[in-house]
C-alpha cells in the first residue's frame, strides 16, 4: 500500500475500561491523548480520528477465569 493511502485511512480507536469513577475530564484527556498519539506516531489527521470509550461492568470483565466483581469479593 502506498504511503498516501495510509494517510487517507480514518483511524478508529476503541478504549475499554471498567465502569467506575472516571470523570468527564479524564475521558476527555484519554480522547485527546489517543488522538495526539496517532498524530505524532502515525501522522494521522486529528480531524478524522475517532475515539470511542466503552465502559464495561465488572460483571462483564474477566481476568484469570473470574469476573472482576468476583475477584473483588475475594476467595469463594
Foldseek 3Di string as FASTA:
>chain_A
DDLVVVQPDQAEAEAEDADDPDDPVNVVVVLVVVLVVCCVPVVYDSVRYHYHYHHHYQCRDDDPHHGNVVVVVPDD
